Amino acid sequence: MRESGHRVLQLEGGEPFMATPGFVKEAMRAALDANQTRYAPSSGVPQLLEALRAKLAHKNAVEVTTNDIIVTSGGAHGLFCAFQASVSPGDEVMFFAPYWTPIQDQVRFSGGVPVRVPWDDIRGGSGDAMRAALESRHTPRTRVIYVNTPANPSGDMLTREQLTAVADFAKEHDLTVIADEAYEDLIYDGEHVSIASLPGMPERTLTVYTFSKSFSMTGWRIGYVVAPPPFMEFLRKLVLNTVNGVSTPTQYAALAAVTHDPHFFDSIREEYRRRRDLLVDGFRNAGFDCLTPPGAFYAFPDVRKRLGGDSWKAMETLLERTEIASVPGIVFGPEGEGHLRMSFSTSMEILEEAVAALGKL
């Protein structure tokens, strides 16, 4: 379409709208000037591990030692290692759907069996509703629950009550939890709760974090996993034998990020909130059902009333009529059919154009 002269309003992406902060880039330059370019310990630079330990205690209410933290090549690599360390062939892994597309592949690549729990069954529900949803899908082969909150693609979040129900369920059935907290800083309504902070959960939880979304470091490929000793032994081997450690200067850039003033996020969250409200209102005014996502940076409107139930066709129709690019909901699992995912992590100019186009649909 671009080659034929059309302006495409790209809302299909999944990257922060702002550039990597200057203090992160300056830290990288300083590390290079100081010749911090040799192999780092495969688990991570000691200064970064200590800073992450302090951040976890202060921000996530998760008390660990530096031996419980390992630096990974981004969140995706952290998740790969977490699934490989906790899932054996034939194990069933429960996760909420629609889900970030690679998760089902990660489960299968580790030999596991995916078991989907629809967000529609638990959204806005109580702890009892959460427990009922999990119990109805539990079998003797269930071993792991994957929790992503705030969630991609829907922006859904689990409340403290719901996470407590997940934690109690995991303890009762002796399950492991993999917590994906990629969007921990992008929350507009409610609170973010790290499930590993709940009683009895540190010893059975592998939590995966990334610098990609919080600090707009998607291309830097750095994240970290927090896990107890039995799992950490496997994680160390996996990191050593996959990437042999993350780029040394990148770790010093991450150190600058994690030790920066936490109020750095305040203005960024407000910018995201403005964008979210603009896009969600635009969908509603155009006749679409669209929940207001409490976290992350995606809207996930139900387009069935206006564009039909086939999300691939809906995506193409929307693109042709409005020049808005989106992602078909079906790629996030059957529960996403009839929806489109669009990111509001872009400029206000593009979002205003998109809302105007929706109004003429």
Foldseek 3Di string as FASTA:
>chain_A
DVVVPDDFLEFADAAFADAFDPLLVVLLVVCVVVVLFDAAQLQAHVLLLVLVQVLCCVPAVAHDHSLQKGKFQFLVRLLLLLLLLFDAAAAEEEEEPLADLCPCVSQVVSNYDYDYQYCVQPAVHFLVSLLVSVVVRDDLRHAEYEAEPCGPPALGGDAPRNLVSVVVVCVVSVHAYEYEDAFQLQFADHHDHDSCNDPPHQARYKYKYGPCHVRVPVVQRMIMIGHDPSSSVSSSVSSCVPVNHGGRSSSSSVSSVSPDDPCVSVVVNVVLVVLQVLLQVLQVLLPWAWDRNRGRFKTKIQCCVPQNQAQVSSQVVCCVQQSYHWARLCSSPPSSTRITIGGSSHDPVSSVSSSVSSNVD
